C-alpha atoms as a PDB file:
ATOM      1  CA  MET A   1      92.801   1.295 103.302  1.00  0.00           C
ATOM      2  CA  ALA A   2      93.340   0.195 106.624  1.00  0.00           C
ATOM      3  CA  GLY A   3      92.944  -3.823 106.395  1.00  0.00           C
ATOM      4  CA  LYS A   4      90.272  -5.412 108.928  1.00  0.00           C
ATOM      5  CA  LYS A   5      90.931  -8.054 110.913  1.00  0.00           C
ATOM      6  CA  ALA A   6      88.064 -10.885 110.138  1.00  0.00           C
ATOM      7  CA  PHE A   7      88.312 -14.547 110.462  1.00  0.00           C
ATOM      8  CA  THR A   8      88.565 -16.566 107.160  1.00  0.00           C
ATOM      9  CA  LEU A   9      85.843 -18.514 106.219  1.00  0.00           C
ATOM     10  CA  VAL A  10      88.554 -21.257 106.365  1.00  0.00           C
ATOM     11  CA  GLU A  11      89.320 -20.475 109.897  1.00  0.00           C
ATOM     12  CA  LEU A  12      85.854 -20.502 111.406  1.00  0.00           C
ATOM     13  CA  MET A  13      85.285 -24.274 109.386  1.00  0.00           C
ATOM     14  CA  ILE A  14      88.385 -25.503 111.076  1.00  0.00           C
ATOM     15  CA  ALA A  15      87.244 -24.147 114.821  1.00  0.00           C
ATOM     16  CA  MET A  16      83.469 -25.493 114.459  1.00  0.00           C
ATOM     17  CA  THR A  17      85.198 -28.834 113.093  1.00  0.00           C
ATOM     18  CA  ILE A  18      86.742 -28.813 116.605  1.00  0.00           C
ATOM     19  CA  ILE A  19      84.107 -27.848 118.637  1.00  0.00           C
ATOM     20  CA  ALA A  20      81.554 -30.500 116.811  1.00  0.00           C
ATOM     21  CA  MET A  21      84.824 -33.415 117.444  1.00  0.00           C
ATOM     22  CA  LEU A  22      84.390 -32.364 121.082  1.00  0.00           C
ATOM     23  CA  ALA A  23      80.700 -32.546 121.410  1.00  0.00           C
ATOM     24  CA  SER A  24      80.782 -35.706 120.147  1.00  0.00           C
ATOM     25  CA  ILE A  25      82.742 -37.040 123.148  1.00  0.00           C
ATOM     26  CA  GLY A  26      81.851 -35.471 125.275  1.00  0.00           C
ATOM     27  CA  ILE A  27      77.642 -35.535 124.657  1.00  0.00           C
ATOM     28  CA  PRO A  28      78.238 -39.853 125.161  1.00  0.00           C
ATOM     29  CA  LYS A  29      80.170 -39.547 128.136  1.00  0.00           C
ATOM     30  CA  PHE A  30      78.038 -37.500 129.817  1.00  0.00           C
ATOM     31  CA  ALA A  31      74.773 -39.465 128.885  1.00  0.00           C
ATOM     32  CA  ASN A  32      76.403 -42.106 130.316  1.00  0.00           C
ATOM     33  CA  MET A  33      77.303 -40.443 133.177  1.00  0.00           C
ATOM     34  CA  ILE A  34      73.900 -39.599 133.840  1.00  0.00           C
ATOM     35  CA  LYS A  35      72.619 -43.155 133.203  1.00  0.00           C
ATOM     36  CA  THR A  36      75.061 -44.498 136.024  1.00  0.00           C
ATOM     37  CA  SER A  37      74.312 -42.463 138.628  1.00  0.00           C
ATOM     38  CA  LYS A  38      70.495 -43.423 137.991  1.00  0.00           C
ATOM     39  CA  GLN A  39      71.342 -46.390 138.196  1.00  0.00           C
ATOM     40  CA  SER A  40      73.455 -45.838 141.408  1.00  0.00           C
ATOM     41  CA  THR A  41      70.680 -44.693 143.031  1.00  0.00           C
ATOM     42  CA  ALA A  42      68.378 -47.485 142.017  1.00  0.00           C
ATOM     43  CA  LYS A  43      71.173 -49.800 143.915  1.00  0.00           C
ATOM     44  CA  HIS A  44      71.397 -47.564 147.137  1.00  0.00           C
ATOM     45  CA  ASN A  45      67.511 -47.325 147.075  1.00  0.00           C
ATOM     46  CA  LEU A  46      67.844 -51.203 147.077  1.00  0.00           C
ATOM     47  CA  GLY A  47      70.236 -51.701 150.008  1.00  0.00           C
ATOM     48  CA  VAL A  48      67.490 -49.561 151.733  1.00  0.00           C
ATOM     49  CA  LEU A  49      64.981 -51.853 151.335  1.00  0.00           C
ATOM     50  CA  ARG A  50      67.331 -54.793 152.329  1.00  0.00           C
ATOM     51  CA  SER A  51      68.557 -52.857 155.666  1.00  0.00           C
ATOM     52  CA  ALA A  52      64.774 -51.588 156.392  1.00  0.00           C
ATOM     53  CA  THR A  53      64.075 -55.363 156.296  1.00  0.00           C
ATOM     54  CA  ASN A  54      66.881 -56.443 158.460  1.00  0.00           C
ATOM     55  CA  ILE A  55      65.803 -53.925 160.739  1.00  0.00           C
ATOM     56  CA  TYR A  56      62.415 -55.522 160.931  1.00  0.00           C
ATOM     57  CA  TYR A  57      63.399 -59.168 160.744  1.00  0.00           C
ATOM     58  CA  GLY A  58      65.504 -57.961 164.618  1.00  0.00           C
ATOM     59  CA  GLU A  59      62.790 -56.458 166.267  1.00  0.00           C
ATOM     60  CA  ASN A  60      60.195 -58.833 165.407  1.00  0.00           C
ATOM     61  CA  THR A  61      61.921 -61.513 166.979  1.00  0.00           C
ATOM     62  CA  GLY A  62      63.323 -63.411 163.922  1.00  0.00           C
ATOM     63  CA  ILE A  63      59.712 -63.193 161.840  1.00  0.00           C
ATOM     64  CA  TRP A  64      60.426 -61.892 158.192  1.00  0.00           C
ATOM     65  CA  PRO A  65      57.869 -59.241 156.112  1.00  0.00           C
ATOM     66  CA  TRP A  66      55.400 -61.309 154.646  1.00  0.00           C
ATOM     67  CA  GLU A  67      56.611 -64.140 155.958  1.00  0.00           C
ATOM     68  CA  ASN A  68      53.051 -65.848 156.486  1.00  0.00           C
ATOM     69  CA  THR A  69      51.983 -64.784 153.526  1.00  0.00           C
ATOM     70  CA  ASP A  70      49.775 -66.676 151.126  1.00  0.00           C
ATOM     71  CA  VAL A  71      50.345 -65.144 147.715  1.00  0.00           C
ATOM     72  CA  GLY A  72      47.749 -66.646 146.861  1.00  0.00           C
ATOM     73  CA  GLY A  73      49.464 -67.928 143.650  1.00  0.00           C
ATOM     74  CA  ASP A  74      53.009 -67.209 142.533  1.00  0.00           C
ATOM     75  CA  TYR A  75      52.634 -63.326 143.759  1.00  0.00           C
ATOM     76  CA  LYS A  76      50.886 -60.744 145.298  1.00  0.00           C
ATOM     77  CA  GLU A  77      50.700 -57.115 145.143  1.00  0.00           C
ATOM     78  CA  LEU A  78      51.919 -55.534 148.814  1.00  0.00           C
ATOM     79  CA  SER A  79      49.008 -53.017 148.701  1.00  0.00           C
ATOM     80  CA  THR A  80      46.640 -56.371 149.452  1.00  0.00           C
ATOM     81  CA  ILE A  81      48.300 -58.254 151.378  1.00  0.00           C
ATOM     82  CA  GLU A  82      47.082 -59.405 154.543  1.00  0.00           C
ATOM     83  CA  SER A  83      50.147 -60.889 156.991  1.00  0.00           C
ATOM     84  CA  TYR A  84      51.897 -60.541 159.730  1.00  0.00           C
ATOM     85  CA  ASP A  85      51.927 -56.984 159.849  1.00  0.00           C
ATOM     86  CA  SER A  86      50.275 -55.596 156.554  1.00  0.00           C
ATOM     87  CA  ASN A  87      52.297 -52.160 156.367  1.00  0.00           C
ATOM     88  CA  ALA A  88      55.499 -54.363 157.620  1.00  0.00           C
ATOM     89  CA  LEU A  89      58.198 -51.369 156.184  1.00  0.00           C
ATOM     90  CA  VAL A  90      55.563 -48.363 155.824  1.00  0.00           C
ATOM     91  CA  PRO A  91      55.570 -45.647 157.577  1.00  0.00           C
ATOM     92  CA  LYS A  92      58.019 -47.199 160.650  1.00  0.00           C
ATOM     93  CA  TYR A  93      60.610 -48.309 158.759  1.00  0.00           C
ATOM     94  CA  LEU A  94      60.352 -45.857 155.387  1.00  0.00           C
ATOM     95  CA  ASN A  95      58.424 -42.961 154.698  1.00  0.00           C
ATOM     96  CA  GLU A  96      57.523 -45.080 150.728  1.00  0.00           C
ATOM     97  CA  PHE A  97      58.845 -47.020 148.903  1.00  0.00           C
ATOM     98  CA  PRO A  98      61.256 -45.074 146.684  1.00  0.00           C
ATOM     99  CA  LYS A  99      60.374 -44.943 143.282  1.00  0.00           C
ATOM    100  CA  PHE A 100      62.522 -46.385 140.518  1.00  0.00           C
ATOM    101  CA  ASP A 101      64.804 -45.258 137.556  1.00  0.00           C
ATOM    102  CA  SER A 102      67.108 -47.323 135.722  1.00  0.00           C
ATOM    103  CA  GLY A 103      68.713 -44.734 133.602  1.00  0.00           C
ATOM    104  CA  ILE A 104      67.579 -46.142 130.670  1.00  0.00           C
ATOM    105  CA  ARG A 105      65.193 -43.995 128.837  1.00  0.00           C
ATOM    106  CA  ASP A 106      62.428 -46.644 127.323  1.00  0.00           C
ATOM    107  CA  ASN A 107      62.420 -48.525 130.561  1.00  0.00           C
ATOM    108  CA  PRO A 108      57.957 -48.741 131.296  1.00  0.00           C
ATOM    109  CA  LEU A 109      59.244 -49.115 135.279  1.00  0.00           C
ATOM    110  CA  ASN A 110      61.133 -45.871 135.505  1.00  0.00           C
ATOM    111  CA  GLY A 111      59.026 -43.057 137.978  1.00  0.00           C
ATOM    112  CA  LYS A 112      57.019 -46.032 139.648  1.00  0.00           C
ATOM    113  CA  ASN A 113      57.467 -47.786 143.207  1.00  0.00           C
ATOM    114  CA  THR A 114      54.966 -50.487 142.819  1.00  0.00           C
ATOM    115  CA  VAL A 115      56.170 -53.631 145.351  1.00  0.00           C
ATOM    116  CA  CYS A 116      54.845 -57.089 145.476  1.00  0.00           C
ATOM    117  CA  VAL A 117      55.818 -60.193 147.395  1.00  0.00           C
ATOM    118  CA  ALA A 118      56.292 -63.790 145.495  1.00  0.00           C
ATOM    119  CA  ASP A 119      57.107 -67.151 146.441  1.00  0.00           C
ATOM    120  CA  ASP A 120      60.700 -68.438 145.497  1.00  0.00           C
ATOM    121  CA  GLY A 121      60.297 -70.629 143.270  1.00  0.00           C
ATOM    122  CA  GLY A 122      56.456 -69.527 141.676  1.00  0.00           C
ATOM    123  CA  THR A 123      56.950 -67.575 138.623  1.00  0.00           C
ATOM    124  CA  TYR A 124      59.834 -65.732 139.600  1.00  0.00           C
ATOM    125  CA  ASP A 125      62.722 -66.556 137.353  1.00  0.00           C
ATOM    126  CA  TYR A 126      65.461 -65.366 140.221  1.00  0.00           C
ATOM    127  CA  TYR A 127      68.350 -66.075 137.619  1.00  0.00           C
ATOM    128  CA  GLY A 128      66.205 -64.397 134.436  1.00  0.00           C
ATOM    129  CA  ARG A 129      63.996 -62.012 136.227  1.00  0.00           C
ATOM    130  CA  TRP A 130      60.017 -62.038 136.623  1.00  0.00           C
ATOM    131  CA  THR A 131      58.141 -63.861 134.239  1.00  0.00           C
ATOM    132  CA  SER A 132      55.321 -63.291 134.050  1.00  0.00           C
ATOM    133  CA  GLY A 133      54.483 -60.182 132.858  1.00  0.00           C
ATOM    134  CA  ASN A 134      54.427 -58.254 136.136  1.00  0.00           C
ATOM    135  CA  SER A 135      54.304 -54.441 136.198  1.00  0.00           C
ATOM    136  CA  ASN A 136      55.928 -54.096 139.822  1.00  0.00           C
ATOM    137  CA  VAL A 137      59.493 -52.682 140.606  1.00  0.00           C
ATOM    138  CA  TRP A 138      60.631 -53.761 143.976  1.00  0.00           C
ATOM    139  CA  ILE A 139      59.878 -57.581 144.468  1.00  0.00           C
ATOM    140  CA  TYR A 140      59.960 -59.430 147.815  1.00  0.00           C
ATOM    141  CA  VAL A 141      60.717 -62.872 147.497  1.00  0.00           C
ATOM    142  CA  LYS A 142      60.336 -64.941 150.377  1.00  0.00           C
ATOM    143  CA  LYS A 143      63.184 -66.688 151.637  1.00  0.00           C
ATOM    144  CA  LYS A 144      65.500 -64.841 149.427  1.00  0.00           C
ATOM    145  CA  GLY A 145      64.915 -61.119 149.579  1.00  0.00           C
ATOM    146  CA  TRP A 146      64.565 -57.550 147.761  1.00  0.00           C
ATOM    147  CA  TYR A 147      64.799 -57.800 143.792  1.00  0.00           C
ATOM    148  CA  ILE A 148      64.609 -55.322 140.847  1.00  0.00           C
ATOM    149  CA  ASN A 149      62.212 -56.260 138.072  1.00  0.00           C
ATOM    150  CA  THR A 150      63.847 -55.317 135.131  1.00  0.00           C
ATOM    151  CA  GLU A 151      65.634 -56.544 132.028  1.00  0.00           C
ATOM    152  CA  ASP A 152      67.573 -53.652 131.774  1.00  0.00           C
ATOM    153  CA  THR A 153      71.397 -54.280 132.065  1.00  0.00           C
ATOM    154  CA  ASP A 154      73.793 -51.937 134.102  1.00  0.00           C
ATOM    155  CA  THR A 155      76.677 -49.489 132.235  1.00  0.00           C
ATOM    156  CA  LYS A 156      78.553 -52.603 133.110  1.00  0.00           C
ATOM    157  CA  GLY A 157      76.671 -55.213 131.497  1.00  0.00           C
ATOM    158  CA  ALA A 158      74.870 -56.978 134.427  1.00  0.00           C
ATOM    159  CA  GLY A 159      71.717 -57.584 134.527  1.00  0.00           C
ATOM    160  CA  ILE A 160      69.995 -55.253 137.193  1.00  0.00           C
ATOM    161  CA  HIS A 161      67.351 -58.006 138.029  1.00  0.00           C
ATOM    162  CA  THR A 162      70.890 -59.423 139.502  1.00  0.00           C
ATOM    163  CA  TRP A 163      72.273 -56.495 141.958  1.00  0.00           C
END
């Protein structure tokens, strides 16, 4: 009989072991790349908000958005603010506030673009994060600027709220 060429069971097991080892190395690296890219987008969006705010300041003769806003306690939802310009950044400087995605699967803020204004020294803990159970993503702290309201850490271990 002419011998048929086929793989033995041992050869198949060795090939499958090699494939499994390569997958166990590659899949976590790929997942980390996705998280890093989403966090880079969030950093970019934070920079866009800061830039739009600076442009607003320049065009409005030294008045910051929501500078004279009484936040009625510690913070106020942006949609209810009555201030110098209730639509300070949208639509002139931004089409809309960007949506947030931390790259962390269980973050309840992912996909939201809600905003609030806070007084510095109120419930906002500048070094910790928002502490009052507030569910807004973007926080404009008077005299400090824009921050992201999340306890998540980035891929380098720093708190996203510190960006």
